[in-house]
């Protein structure tokens, strides 16, 4: 939580320094993540109930915002068309798996797998365009690269964990606890890299305003 809060606070520099629109969008996304975590904690403390419904609703917002963010970065029309289809179909997939397979109060591992898989694909689209571009890019001055790299690593690691977490929750709590701790460690790593991404432009050539 501390790293997430620090990440969000650092991301606010996107508004103070007139960063590009997609960086401001990512800052808003981090703010939503903070509010989600606070809500999840308060639900347990105040109502003494599970908080899976908080995260299940968050998943819908999270993966749509990831797609919207990468839509700013990806230029190839075929890839942008894939994002457009994702916007159309993902809410229906989320609703179907949430309300007919798991229920709102049970952690929806299917939507995590689907969302992570598509987010990984978006990162690959971005990396492909970045590395095949004729324009020379200084990665130390490209915060979008570091955000994509952090997201890519996290999602690749989360996919196998998400695929088996519900099973271990039902059959072996110690293993489920260890998997949750692994996800927390991955979150810390991801948000730490994103902090660096937002601070890099302060020491390099500024990002031009949109």
N, C-alpha and C. Protein backbone atom coordinates (compact mmCIF):
# COMPACT_ATOMS: atom_id res chain seq x y z
N UNK A 1 0.82 -1.20 0.00
CA UNK A 1 0.00 0.00 0.00
C UNK A 1 0.86 1.26 0.00
N UNK A 2 1.94 1.24 0.77
CA UNK A 2 2.82 2.42 0.83
C UNK A 2 3.40 2.71 -0.55
N UNK A 3 3.84 1.67 -1.24
CA UNK A 3 4.43 1.87 -2.57
C UNK A 3 3.37 2.36 -3.55
N UNK A 4 2.16 1.83 -3.44
CA UNK A 4 1.07 2.28 -4.32
C UNK A 4 0.75 3.74 -4.06
N UNK A 5 0.65 4.14 -2.79
CA UNK A 5 0.39 5.55 -2.48
C UNK A 5 1.50 6.44 -3.04
N UNK A 6 2.76 6.02 -2.84
CA UNK A 6 3.90 6.79 -3.34
C UNK A 6 3.85 6.90 -4.86
N UNK A 7 3.46 5.81 -5.51
CA UNK A 7 3.36 5.80 -6.97
C UNK A 7 2.32 6.79 -7.45
N UNK A 8 1.16 6.79 -6.80
CA UNK A 8 0.11 7.73 -7.19
C UNK A 8 0.55 9.17 -6.97
N UNK A 9 1.15 9.44 -5.83
CA UNK A 9 1.59 10.81 -5.54
C UNK A 9 2.63 11.27 -6.56
N UNK A 10 3.56 10.38 -6.92
CA UNK A 10 4.57 10.74 -7.92
C UNK A 10 3.93 10.96 -9.29
N UNK A 11 2.87 10.21 -9.56
CA UNK A 11 2.22 10.33 -10.88
C UNK A 11 1.52 11.67 -11.05
N UNK A 12 1.19 12.33 -9.94
CA UNK A 12 0.51 13.63 -10.03
C UNK A 12 1.39 14.69 -10.69
N UNK A 13 2.66 14.40 -10.77
CA UNK A 13 3.56 15.33 -11.47
C UNK A 13 3.19 15.44 -12.94
N UNK A 14 2.46 14.45 -13.45
CA UNK A 14 2.01 14.49 -14.84
C UNK A 14 1.14 15.71 -15.10
N UNK A 15 0.40 16.13 -14.09
CA UNK A 15 -0.46 17.32 -14.23
C UNK A 15 0.32 18.60 -13.95
N UNK A 16 1.24 18.53 -13.01
CA UNK A 16 2.01 19.72 -12.66
C UNK A 16 2.99 20.11 -13.77
N UNK A 17 3.51 19.12 -14.48
CA UNK A 17 4.53 19.37 -15.50
C UNK A 17 4.00 19.23 -16.93
N UNK A 18 2.70 19.18 -17.09
CA UNK A 18 2.09 19.11 -18.43
C UNK A 18 2.60 17.92 -19.24
N UNK A 19 2.57 16.73 -18.63
CA UNK A 19 2.91 15.52 -19.36
C UNK A 19 1.85 15.25 -20.42
N UNK A 20 2.14 14.29 -21.30
CA UNK A 20 1.20 13.91 -22.35
C UNK A 20 -0.09 13.36 -21.75
N UNK A 21 -1.16 13.38 -22.52
CA UNK A 21 -2.49 13.00 -22.03
C UNK A 21 -2.53 11.58 -21.51
N UNK A 22 -1.82 10.65 -22.18
CA UNK A 22 -1.87 9.26 -21.73
C UNK A 22 -1.18 9.08 -20.37
N UNK A 23 -0.20 9.91 -20.06
CA UNK A 23 0.44 9.83 -18.75
C UNK A 23 -0.51 10.34 -17.66
N UNK A 24 -1.29 11.37 -17.99
CA UNK A 24 -2.29 11.85 -17.04
C UNK A 24 -3.37 10.79 -16.82
N UNK A 25 -3.73 10.10 -17.89
CA UNK A 25 -4.71 9.02 -17.77
C UNK A 25 -4.18 7.93 -16.85
N UNK A 26 -2.92 7.60 -16.98
CA UNK A 26 -2.35 6.55 -16.12
C UNK A 26 -2.32 7.00 -14.67
N UNK A 27 -2.10 8.29 -14.45
CA UNK A 27 -2.15 8.81 -13.09
C UNK A 27 -3.55 8.66 -12.49
N UNK A 28 -4.58 8.94 -13.30
CA UNK A 28 -5.96 8.76 -12.84
C UNK A 28 -6.22 7.28 -12.52
N UNK A 29 -5.69 6.40 -13.37
CA UNK A 29 -5.81 4.97 -13.13
C UNK A 29 -5.20 4.57 -11.79
N UNK A 30 -4.03 5.13 -11.48
CA UNK A 30 -3.39 4.84 -10.19
C UNK A 30 -4.24 5.37 -9.03
N UNK A 31 -4.88 6.52 -9.23
CA UNK A 31 -5.77 7.05 -8.20
C UNK A 31 -6.95 6.12 -7.96
N UNK A 32 -7.50 5.56 -9.02
CA UNK A 32 -8.59 4.59 -8.87
C UNK A 32 -8.10 3.35 -8.13
N UNK A 33 -6.88 2.94 -8.40
CA UNK A 33 -6.30 1.78 -7.71
C UNK A 33 -6.18 2.05 -6.21
N UNK A 34 -5.75 3.26 -5.86
CA UNK A 34 -5.65 3.63 -4.45
C UNK A 34 -7.01 3.59 -3.77
N UNK A 35 -8.01 4.18 -4.41
CA UNK A 35 -9.37 4.19 -3.85
C UNK A 35 -9.91 2.77 -3.70
N UNK A 36 -9.57 1.90 -4.65
CA UNK A 36 -10.01 0.50 -4.57
C UNK A 36 -9.41 -0.19 -3.36
N UNK A 37 -8.12 -0.01 -3.15
CA UNK A 37 -7.45 -0.65 -2.02
C UNK A 37 -7.99 -0.12 -0.69
N UNK A 38 -8.23 1.18 -0.62
CA UNK A 38 -8.79 1.75 0.61
C UNK A 38 -10.18 1.19 0.86
N UNK A 39 -10.99 1.11 -0.19
CA UNK A 39 -12.35 0.57 -0.05
C UNK A 39 -12.32 -0.89 0.39
N UNK A 40 -11.39 -1.66 -0.15
CA UNK A 40 -11.28 -3.07 0.21
C UNK A 40 -10.93 -3.24 1.69
N UNK A 41 -10.08 -2.37 2.19
CA UNK A 41 -9.70 -2.43 3.61
C UNK A 41 -10.88 -2.01 4.50
N UNK A 42 -11.56 -0.94 4.12
CA UNK A 42 -12.67 -0.43 4.93
C UNK A 42 -13.84 -1.40 4.97
N UNK A 43 -14.09 -2.11 3.88
CA UNK A 43 -15.19 -3.08 3.85
C UNK A 43 -14.95 -4.17 4.89
N UNK A 44 -13.71 -4.62 5.00
CA UNK A 44 -13.39 -5.66 5.99
C UNK A 44 -13.50 -5.11 7.40
N UNK A 45 -12.98 -3.92 7.63
CA UNK A 45 -12.95 -3.36 8.98
C UNK A 45 -14.33 -2.92 9.46
N UNK A 46 -15.11 -2.33 8.59
CA UNK A 46 -16.41 -1.79 8.99
C UNK A 46 -17.54 -2.81 8.93
N UNK A 47 -17.52 -3.67 7.92
CA UNK A 47 -18.64 -4.60 7.71
C UNK A 47 -18.28 -6.05 8.00
N UNK A 48 -16.98 -6.31 8.22
CA UNK A 48 -16.51 -7.66 8.56
C UNK A 48 -16.96 -8.69 7.53
N UNK A 49 -16.86 -8.31 6.26
CA UNK A 49 -17.21 -9.22 5.16
C UNK A 49 -16.04 -9.29 4.18
N UNK A 50 -16.13 -10.19 3.22
CA UNK A 50 -15.10 -10.28 2.20
C UNK A 50 -15.11 -9.07 1.28
N UNK A 51 -14.01 -8.87 0.57
CA UNK A 51 -13.90 -7.71 -0.32
C UNK A 51 -13.70 -8.09 -1.77
N UNK A 52 -13.99 -9.35 -2.12
CA UNK A 52 -13.78 -9.78 -3.50
C UNK A 52 -14.66 -9.00 -4.48
N UNK A 53 -15.84 -8.58 -4.02
CA UNK A 53 -16.70 -7.82 -4.93
C UNK A 53 -16.08 -6.48 -5.32
N UNK A 54 -15.29 -5.90 -4.41
CA UNK A 54 -14.60 -4.65 -4.71
C UNK A 54 -13.60 -4.87 -5.85
N UNK A 55 -12.83 -5.94 -5.73
CA UNK A 55 -11.82 -6.21 -6.75
C UNK A 55 -12.44 -6.66 -8.07
N UNK A 56 -13.53 -7.40 -8.00
CA UNK A 56 -14.18 -7.83 -9.23
C UNK A 56 -14.68 -6.64 -10.05
N UNK A 57 -15.22 -5.64 -9.38
CA UNK A 57 -15.65 -4.43 -10.08
C UNK A 57 -14.43 -3.67 -10.60
N UNK A 58 -13.37 -3.65 -9.80
CA UNK A 58 -12.14 -2.97 -10.21
C UNK A 58 -11.54 -3.59 -11.46
N UNK A 59 -11.62 -4.93 -11.58
CA UNK A 59 -11.06 -5.60 -12.75
C UNK A 59 -11.64 -5.05 -14.05
N UNK A 60 -12.93 -4.78 -14.06
CA UNK A 60 -13.57 -4.24 -15.25
C UNK A 60 -12.96 -2.90 -15.63
N UNK A 61 -12.80 -2.03 -14.64
CA UNK A 61 -12.22 -0.71 -14.88
C UNK A 61 -10.74 -0.82 -15.23
N UNK A 62 -10.03 -1.68 -14.52
CA UNK A 62 -8.59 -1.79 -14.70
C UNK A 62 -8.20 -2.14 -16.13
N UNK A 63 -8.77 -3.21 -16.65
CA UNK A 63 -8.34 -3.68 -17.97
C UNK A 63 -8.84 -2.78 -19.09
N UNK A 64 -9.98 -2.14 -18.90
CA UNK A 64 -10.44 -1.19 -19.90
C UNK A 64 -9.53 0.05 -19.93
N UNK A 65 -9.07 0.48 -18.76
CA UNK A 65 -8.17 1.62 -18.71
C UNK A 65 -6.80 1.28 -19.29
N UNK A 66 -6.33 0.06 -19.04
CA UNK A 66 -5.08 -0.37 -19.68
C UNK A 66 -5.21 -0.30 -21.20
N UNK A 67 -6.33 -0.80 -21.73
CA UNK A 67 -6.55 -0.77 -23.17
C UNK A 67 -6.62 0.66 -23.69
N UNK A 68 -7.29 1.53 -22.94
CA UNK A 68 -7.41 2.92 -23.35
C UNK A 68 -6.04 3.60 -23.33
N UNK A 69 -5.23 3.29 -22.33
CA UNK A 69 -3.88 3.86 -22.23
C UNK A 69 -3.03 3.44 -23.43
N UNK A 70 -3.02 2.14 -23.73
CA UNK A 70 -2.18 1.67 -24.83
C UNK A 70 -2.72 2.13 -26.18
N UNK A 71 -3.98 2.46 -26.25
CA UNK A 71 -4.53 2.96 -27.50
C UNK A 71 -3.86 4.28 -27.89
N UNK A 72 -3.40 5.04 -26.89
CA UNK A 72 -2.66 6.26 -27.17
C UNK A 72 -1.29 5.95 -27.77
N UNK A 73 -0.70 4.82 -27.39
CA UNK A 73 0.68 4.52 -27.77
C UNK A 73 0.79 3.73 -29.06
N UNK A 74 -0.21 2.90 -29.34
CA UNK A 74 -0.16 2.00 -30.49
C UNK A 74 -0.72 2.70 -31.72
N UNK A 75 0.02 2.59 -32.83
CA UNK A 75 -0.35 3.31 -34.05
C UNK A 75 -0.84 2.41 -35.17
N UNK A 76 -0.38 1.17 -35.24
CA UNK A 76 -0.79 0.28 -36.32
C UNK A 76 -2.29 0.05 -36.27
N UNK A 77 -2.94 0.19 -37.42
CA UNK A 77 -4.40 0.12 -37.47
C UNK A 77 -4.92 -1.26 -37.06
N UNK A 78 -4.22 -2.32 -37.44
CA UNK A 78 -4.68 -3.67 -37.08
C UNK A 78 -4.68 -3.84 -35.56
N UNK A 79 -3.67 -3.31 -34.91
CA UNK A 79 -3.58 -3.42 -33.46
C UNK A 79 -4.63 -2.54 -32.77
N UNK A 80 -4.84 -1.36 -33.33
CA UNK A 80 -5.87 -0.48 -32.77
C UNK A 80 -7.26 -1.10 -32.95
N UNK A 81 -7.44 -1.82 -34.05
CA UNK A 81 -8.72 -2.50 -34.27
C UNK A 81 -8.95 -3.57 -33.22
N UNK A 82 -7.88 -4.27 -32.83
CA UNK A 82 -8.00 -5.29 -31.79
C UNK A 82 -8.43 -4.66 -30.47
N UNK A 83 -7.90 -3.48 -30.17
CA UNK A 83 -8.29 -2.77 -28.95
C UNK A 83 -9.77 -2.38 -29.02
N UNK A 84 -10.19 -1.94 -30.19
CA UNK A 84 -11.59 -1.55 -30.38
C UNK A 84 -12.52 -2.73 -30.10
N UNK A 85 -12.16 -3.92 -30.59
CA UNK A 85 -12.97 -5.11 -30.33
C UNK A 85 -12.97 -5.47 -28.84
N UNK A 86 -11.83 -5.25 -28.20
CA UNK A 86 -11.73 -5.52 -26.76
C UNK A 86 -12.71 -4.65 -25.99
N UNK A 87 -12.79 -3.37 -26.34
CA UNK A 87 -13.74 -2.47 -25.69
C UNK A 87 -15.18 -2.97 -25.82
N UNK A 88 -15.48 -3.57 -26.96
CA UNK A 88 -16.84 -4.03 -27.22
C UNK A 88 -17.19 -5.29 -26.43
N UNK A 89 -16.25 -6.24 -26.39
CA UNK A 89 -16.59 -7.56 -25.88
C UNK A 89 -16.19 -7.81 -24.42
N UNK A 90 -15.18 -7.11 -23.93
CA UNK A 90 -14.71 -7.39 -22.57
C UNK A 90 -15.78 -7.16 -21.51
N UNK A 91 -16.58 -6.07 -21.57
CA UNK A 91 -17.62 -5.91 -20.54
C UNK A 91 -18.61 -7.07 -20.50
N UNK A 92 -18.92 -7.65 -21.67
CA UNK A 92 -19.84 -8.78 -21.70
C UNK A 92 -19.18 -10.03 -21.10
N UNK A 93 -17.90 -10.23 -21.41
CA UNK A 93 -17.18 -11.36 -20.84
C UNK A 93 -17.08 -11.21 -19.32
N UNK A 94 -16.80 -9.97 -18.89
CA UNK A 94 -16.72 -9.72 -17.45
C UNK A 94 -18.06 -10.03 -16.77
N UNK A 95 -19.14 -9.55 -17.34
CA UNK A 95 -20.46 -9.78 -16.74
C UNK A 95 -20.80 -11.26 -16.72
N UNK A 96 -20.51 -11.97 -17.81
CA UNK A 96 -20.86 -13.38 -17.89
C UNK A 96 -20.08 -14.21 -16.88
N UNK A 97 -18.78 -13.97 -16.76
CA UNK A 97 -17.97 -14.75 -15.83
C UNK A 97 -18.23 -14.35 -14.38
N UNK A 98 -18.51 -13.07 -14.16
CA UNK A 98 -18.71 -12.59 -12.79
C UNK A 98 -20.04 -13.05 -12.22
N UNK A 99 -21.10 -12.96 -13.00
CA UNK A 99 -22.43 -13.21 -12.45
C UNK A 99 -22.96 -14.63 -12.70
N UNK A 100 -22.38 -15.34 -13.67
CA UNK A 100 -22.89 -16.69 -13.94
C UNK A 100 -21.92 -17.80 -13.57
N UNK A 101 -20.63 -17.49 -13.44
CA UNK A 101 -19.63 -18.51 -13.12
C UNK A 101 -19.19 -18.42 -11.67
N UNK A 102 -18.75 -17.25 -11.24
CA UNK A 102 -18.19 -17.11 -9.90
C UNK A 102 -19.15 -16.43 -8.92
N UNK A 103 -19.87 -15.44 -9.37
CA UNK A 103 -20.63 -14.60 -8.46
C UNK A 103 -19.78 -13.40 -8.08
N UNK A 104 -20.45 -12.30 -7.77
CA UNK A 104 -19.74 -11.05 -7.51
C UNK A 104 -18.84 -11.13 -6.28
N UNK A 105 -19.19 -11.98 -5.32
CA UNK A 105 -18.43 -12.04 -4.06
C UNK A 105 -17.32 -13.07 -4.08
N UNK A 106 -17.09 -13.73 -5.21
CA UNK A 106 -15.98 -14.69 -5.36
C UNK A 106 -14.99 -14.13 -6.36
N UNK A 107 -13.71 -14.24 -6.02
CA UNK A 107 -12.67 -13.67 -6.87
C UNK A 107 -12.73 -14.30 -8.25
N UNK A 108 -12.83 -13.46 -9.29
CA UNK A 108 -13.00 -13.91 -10.67
C UNK A 108 -11.64 -14.14 -11.32
N UNK A 109 -11.16 -15.36 -11.24
CA UNK A 109 -9.84 -15.66 -11.80
C UNK A 109 -9.88 -15.67 -13.33
N UNK A 110 -11.03 -16.01 -13.93
CA UNK A 110 -11.12 -16.03 -15.39
C UNK A 110 -10.87 -14.66 -15.98
N UNK A 111 -11.50 -13.64 -15.40
CA UNK A 111 -11.36 -12.30 -15.96
C UNK A 111 -9.95 -11.78 -15.76
N UNK A 112 -9.29 -12.21 -14.69
CA UNK A 112 -7.89 -11.84 -14.49
C UNK A 112 -7.02 -12.45 -15.57
N UNK A 113 -7.25 -13.73 -15.88
CA UNK A 113 -6.49 -14.39 -16.93
C UNK A 113 -6.71 -13.73 -18.29
N UNK A 114 -7.97 -13.45 -18.61
CA UNK A 114 -8.29 -12.83 -19.89
C UNK A 114 -7.72 -11.42 -19.97
N UNK A 115 -7.92 -10.64 -18.91
CA UNK A 115 -7.42 -9.28 -18.89
C UNK A 115 -5.91 -9.22 -18.95
N UNK A 116 -5.23 -10.08 -18.19
CA UNK A 116 -3.77 -10.10 -18.23
C UNK A 116 -3.26 -10.52 -19.60
N UNK A 117 -3.90 -11.53 -20.19
CA UNK A 117 -3.46 -12.00 -21.50
C UNK A 117 -3.55 -10.90 -22.54
N UNK A 118 -4.64 -10.13 -22.51
CA UNK A 118 -4.78 -9.06 -23.49
C UNK A 118 -3.82 -7.92 -23.18
N UNK A 119 -3.60 -7.63 -21.90
CA UNK A 119 -2.65 -6.57 -21.54
C UNK A 119 -1.24 -6.94 -21.97
N UNK A 120 -0.87 -8.21 -21.81
CA UNK A 120 0.43 -8.68 -22.30
C UNK A 120 0.52 -8.47 -23.81
N UNK A 121 -0.57 -8.78 -24.52
CA UNK A 121 -0.60 -8.59 -25.97
C UNK A 121 -0.41 -7.12 -26.33
N UNK A 122 -1.05 -6.22 -25.58
CA UNK A 122 -0.89 -4.79 -25.82
C UNK A 122 0.56 -4.36 -25.62
N UNK A 123 1.18 -4.88 -24.58
CA UNK A 123 2.59 -4.56 -24.33
C UNK A 123 3.46 -5.03 -25.50
N UNK A 124 3.18 -6.23 -26.00
CA UNK A 124 3.94 -6.76 -27.14
C UNK A 124 3.73 -5.89 -28.38
N UNK A 125 2.48 -5.47 -28.61
CA UNK A 125 2.20 -4.54 -29.73
C UNK A 125 3.06 -3.29 -29.60
N UNK A 126 3.07 -2.73 -28.40
CA UNK A 126 3.82 -1.49 -28.17
C UNK A 126 5.32 -1.70 -28.36
N UNK A 127 5.85 -2.79 -27.79
CA UNK A 127 7.28 -3.07 -27.93
C UNK A 127 7.66 -3.27 -29.40
N UNK A 128 6.80 -3.96 -30.13
CA UNK A 128 7.08 -4.20 -31.55
C UNK A 128 7.17 -2.87 -32.31
N UNK A 129 6.20 -2.02 -32.09
CA UNK A 129 6.22 -0.73 -32.79
C UNK A 129 7.40 0.12 -32.34
N UNK A 130 7.73 0.04 -31.06
CA UNK A 130 8.83 0.85 -30.53
C UNK A 130 10.16 0.41 -31.12
N UNK A 131 10.40 -0.90 -31.16
CA UNK A 131 11.70 -1.40 -31.60
C UNK A 131 11.83 -1.44 -33.12
N UNK A 132 10.73 -1.39 -33.85
CA UNK A 132 10.81 -1.38 -35.32
C UNK A 132 10.67 0.02 -35.90
N UNK A 133 10.47 1.00 -35.04
CA UNK A 133 10.32 2.37 -35.50
C UNK A 133 11.65 2.90 -36.03
N UNK A 134 11.59 3.73 -37.05
CA UNK A 134 12.79 4.36 -37.60
C UNK A 134 13.29 5.48 -36.70
N UNK A 135 12.43 5.95 -35.82
CA UNK A 135 12.82 7.02 -34.90
C UNK A 135 13.67 6.47 -33.77
N UNK A 136 14.80 7.08 -33.53
CA UNK A 136 15.66 6.67 -32.44
C UNK A 136 15.06 7.15 -31.12
N UNK A 137 14.94 6.24 -30.16
CA UNK A 137 14.36 6.59 -28.87
C UNK A 137 15.37 6.33 -27.76
N UNK A 138 15.43 7.26 -26.84
CA UNK A 138 16.25 7.11 -25.64
C UNK A 138 15.36 6.52 -24.55
N UNK A 139 15.55 5.25 -24.23
CA UNK A 139 14.66 4.59 -23.28
C UNK A 139 14.72 5.21 -21.89
N UNK A 140 15.84 5.81 -21.54
CA UNK A 140 15.93 6.46 -20.23
C UNK A 140 15.06 7.71 -20.17
N UNK A 141 14.61 8.16 -21.35
CA UNK A 141 13.73 9.33 -21.41
C UNK A 141 12.36 8.95 -21.98
N UNK A 142 11.99 7.67 -21.86
CA UNK A 142 10.73 7.18 -22.39
C UNK A 142 9.95 6.49 -21.27
N UNK A 143 9.20 7.23 -20.47
CA UNK A 143 8.49 6.63 -19.33
C UNK A 143 7.48 5.57 -19.78
N UNK A 144 6.91 5.74 -20.99
CA UNK A 144 5.95 4.76 -21.48
C UNK A 144 6.58 3.38 -21.60
N UNK A 145 7.85 3.33 -21.98
CA UNK A 145 8.55 2.04 -22.10
C UNK A 145 8.64 1.35 -20.75
N UNK A 146 8.99 2.10 -19.71
CA UNK A 146 9.16 1.50 -18.38
C UNK A 146 7.82 1.09 -17.78
N UNK A 147 6.76 1.86 -18.05
CA UNK A 147 5.43 1.46 -17.59
C UNK A 147 5.00 0.17 -18.29
N UNK A 148 5.24 0.10 -19.60
CA UNK A 148 4.89 -1.12 -20.34
C UNK A 148 5.71 -2.30 -19.86
N UNK A 149 7.00 -2.08 -19.59
CA UNK A 149 7.86 -3.18 -19.13
C UNK A 149 7.41 -3.69 -17.77
N UNK A 150 7.09 -2.76 -16.86
CA UNK A 150 6.63 -3.16 -15.52
C UNK A 150 5.31 -3.91 -15.61
N UNK A 151 4.41 -3.43 -16.44
CA UNK A 151 3.10 -4.07 -16.61
C UNK A 151 3.27 -5.46 -17.23
N UNK A 152 4.13 -5.56 -18.23
CA UNK A 152 4.37 -6.82 -18.92
C UNK A 152 4.90 -7.88 -17.95
N UNK A 153 5.90 -7.52 -17.16
CA UNK A 153 6.49 -8.47 -16.21
C UNK A 153 5.46 -8.90 -15.18
N UNK A 154 4.70 -7.94 -14.65
CA UNK A 154 3.71 -8.27 -13.63
C UNK A 154 2.64 -9.20 -14.19
N UNK A 155 2.09 -8.88 -15.33
CA UNK A 155 1.01 -9.69 -15.90
C UNK A 155 1.49 -11.09 -16.26
N UNK A 156 2.71 -11.19 -16.80
CA UNK A 156 3.25 -12.51 -17.14
C UNK A 156 3.40 -13.38 -15.90
N UNK A 157 3.76 -12.77 -14.79
CA UNK A 157 3.90 -13.53 -13.54
C UNK A 157 2.55 -13.81 -12.88
N UNK A 158 1.60 -12.89 -13.08
CA UNK A 158 0.30 -13.07 -12.43
C UNK A 158 -0.53 -14.16 -13.10
N UNK A 159 -0.36 -14.37 -14.40
CA UNK A 159 -1.19 -15.33 -15.12
C UNK A 159 -1.14 -16.73 -14.48
N UNK A 160 0.03 -17.32 -14.26
CA UNK A 160 0.02 -18.66 -13.65
C UNK A 160 -0.52 -18.66 -12.23
N UNK A 161 -0.27 -17.58 -11.48
CA UNK A 161 -0.78 -17.51 -10.11
C UNK A 161 -2.30 -17.41 -10.11
N UNK A 162 -2.84 -16.54 -10.97
CA UNK A 162 -4.29 -16.38 -11.04
C UNK A 162 -4.97 -17.66 -11.48
N UNK A 163 -4.28 -18.43 -12.34
CA UNK A 163 -4.88 -19.65 -12.85
C UNK A 163 -5.07 -20.72 -11.80
N UNK A 164 -4.30 -20.67 -10.71
CA UNK A 164 -4.42 -21.73 -9.71
C UNK A 164 -4.78 -21.22 -8.31
N UNK A 165 -4.96 -19.90 -8.16
CA UNK A 165 -5.19 -19.36 -6.83
C UNK A 165 -6.50 -19.85 -6.22
N UNK A 166 -7.59 -19.81 -6.99
CA UNK A 166 -8.87 -20.26 -6.45
C UNK A 166 -8.82 -21.72 -5.99
N UNK A 167 -8.09 -22.56 -6.74
CA UNK A 167 -7.96 -23.97 -6.36
C UNK A 167 -7.30 -24.10 -5.00
N UNK A 168 -6.21 -23.35 -4.80
CA UNK A 168 -5.47 -23.47 -3.54
C UNK A 168 -6.21 -22.80 -2.39
N UNK A 169 -7.01 -21.78 -2.68
CA UNK A 169 -7.84 -21.19 -1.63
C UNK A 169 -8.79 -22.24 -1.05
N UNK A 170 -9.32 -23.10 -1.93
CA UNK A 170 -10.27 -24.14 -1.50
C UNK A 170 -9.58 -25.35 -0.91
N UNK A 171 -8.29 -25.58 -1.25
CA UNK A 171 -7.66 -26.85 -0.88
C UNK A 171 -6.44 -26.71 0.01
N UNK A 172 -5.77 -25.59 -0.01
CA UNK A 172 -4.56 -25.47 0.80
C UNK A 172 -4.31 -23.99 1.10
N UNK A 173 -4.77 -23.54 2.25
CA UNK A 173 -4.64 -22.12 2.61
C UNK A 173 -3.20 -21.63 2.69
N UNK A 174 -2.25 -22.42 3.23
CA UNK A 174 -0.86 -21.93 3.27
C UNK A 174 -0.29 -21.60 1.89
N UNK A 175 -0.58 -22.46 0.90
CA UNK A 175 -0.11 -22.19 -0.45
C UNK A 175 -0.80 -20.95 -1.01
N UNK A 176 -2.11 -20.82 -0.77
CA UNK A 176 -2.85 -19.64 -1.23
C UNK A 176 -2.27 -18.38 -0.61
N UNK A 177 -1.92 -18.45 0.68
CA UNK A 177 -1.31 -17.30 1.37
C UNK A 177 0.02 -16.94 0.72
N UNK A 178 0.83 -17.95 0.39
CA UNK A 178 2.13 -17.70 -0.25
C UNK A 178 1.95 -17.07 -1.63
N UNK A 179 0.94 -17.53 -2.37
CA UNK A 179 0.69 -16.95 -3.69
C UNK A 179 0.26 -15.50 -3.58
N UNK A 180 -0.57 -15.20 -2.57
CA UNK A 180 -0.99 -13.80 -2.38
C UNK A 180 0.22 -12.92 -2.04
N UNK A 181 1.10 -13.42 -1.20
CA UNK A 181 2.30 -12.67 -0.85
C UNK A 181 3.19 -12.46 -2.08
N UNK A 182 3.23 -13.45 -2.96
CA UNK A 182 3.99 -13.30 -4.20
C UNK A 182 3.41 -12.19 -5.06
N UNK A 183 2.08 -12.14 -5.14
CA UNK A 183 1.43 -11.07 -5.90
C UNK A 183 1.73 -9.71 -5.28
N UNK A 184 1.77 -9.64 -3.95
CA UNK A 184 2.10 -8.37 -3.30
C UNK A 184 3.52 -7.94 -3.66
N UNK A 185 4.45 -8.89 -3.67
CA UNK A 185 5.83 -8.57 -4.02
C UNK A 185 5.92 -8.09 -5.47
N UNK A 186 5.17 -8.74 -6.35
CA UNK A 186 5.15 -8.31 -7.76
C UNK A 186 4.56 -6.92 -7.90
N UNK A 187 3.53 -6.63 -7.11
CA UNK A 187 2.94 -5.28 -7.12
C UNK A 187 3.96 -4.24 -6.69
N UNK A 188 4.71 -4.55 -5.65
CA UNK A 188 5.73 -3.61 -5.16
C UNK A 188 6.76 -3.33 -6.25
N UNK A 189 7.19 -4.39 -6.93
CA UNK A 189 8.15 -4.22 -8.02
C UNK A 189 7.59 -3.39 -9.15
N UNK A 190 6.36 -3.67 -9.55
CA UNK A 190 5.74 -2.95 -10.66
C UNK A 190 5.58 -1.47 -10.33
N UNK A 191 5.02 -1.17 -9.16
CA UNK A 191 4.79 0.23 -8.81
C UNK A 191 6.10 0.98 -8.59
N UNK A 192 7.14 0.29 -8.14
CA UNK A 192 8.44 0.94 -7.97
C UNK A 192 9.00 1.39 -9.32
N UNK A 193 8.86 0.53 -10.33
CA UNK A 193 9.33 0.89 -11.66
C UNK A 193 8.50 2.04 -12.23
N UNK A 194 7.19 2.02 -11.97
CA UNK A 194 6.32 3.10 -12.47
C UNK A 194 6.68 4.43 -11.81
N UNK A 195 7.05 4.40 -10.54
CA UNK A 195 7.52 5.62 -9.87
C UNK A 195 8.71 6.21 -10.63
N UNK A 196 9.67 5.34 -10.95
CA UNK A 196 10.85 5.80 -11.70
C UNK A 196 10.43 6.37 -13.05
N UNK A 197 9.45 5.71 -13.70
CA UNK A 197 9.01 6.17 -15.01
C UNK A 197 8.47 7.59 -14.95
N UNK A 198 7.70 7.91 -13.93
CA UNK A 198 7.14 9.26 -13.82
C UNK A 198 8.20 10.29 -13.44
N UNK A 199 9.25 9.87 -12.74
CA UNK A 199 10.27 10.82 -12.31
C UNK A 199 11.35 11.03 -13.36
N UNK A 200 11.53 10.09 -14.27
CA UNK A 200 12.59 10.20 -15.27
C UNK A 200 12.59 11.52 -16.04
N UNK A 201 11.43 11.99 -16.51
CA UNK A 201 11.44 13.23 -17.30
C UNK A 201 11.96 14.44 -16.54
N UNK A 202 11.98 14.38 -15.21
CA UNK A 202 12.50 15.50 -14.44
C UNK A 202 14.01 15.65 -14.63
N UNK A 203 14.66 14.54 -15.02
CA UNK A 203 16.11 14.56 -15.16
C UNK A 203 16.56 14.42 -16.61
N UNK A 204 15.57 14.36 -17.50
CA UNK A 204 15.88 14.25 -18.92
C UNK A 204 15.07 15.31 -19.67
N UNK A 205 15.04 15.17 -20.96
CA UNK A 205 14.27 16.10 -21.79
C UNK A 205 12.80 15.98 -21.46
N UNK A 206 12.09 17.06 -21.15
CA UNK A 206 10.68 17.01 -20.75
C UNK A 206 9.80 16.41 -21.83
N UNK A 207 8.70 15.78 -21.39
CA UNK A 207 7.71 15.27 -22.31
C UNK A 207 6.91 16.43 -22.88
N UNK A 208 6.78 16.51 -24.20
CA UNK A 208 6.01 17.63 -24.77
C UNK A 208 4.54 17.56 -24.40
N UNK A 209 3.94 18.70 -24.19
CA UNK A 209 2.52 18.74 -23.84
C UNK A 209 1.69 18.39 -25.07
N UNK A 210 0.51 17.82 -24.82
CA UNK A 210 -0.42 17.46 -25.90
C UNK A 210 -1.21 18.69 -26.31
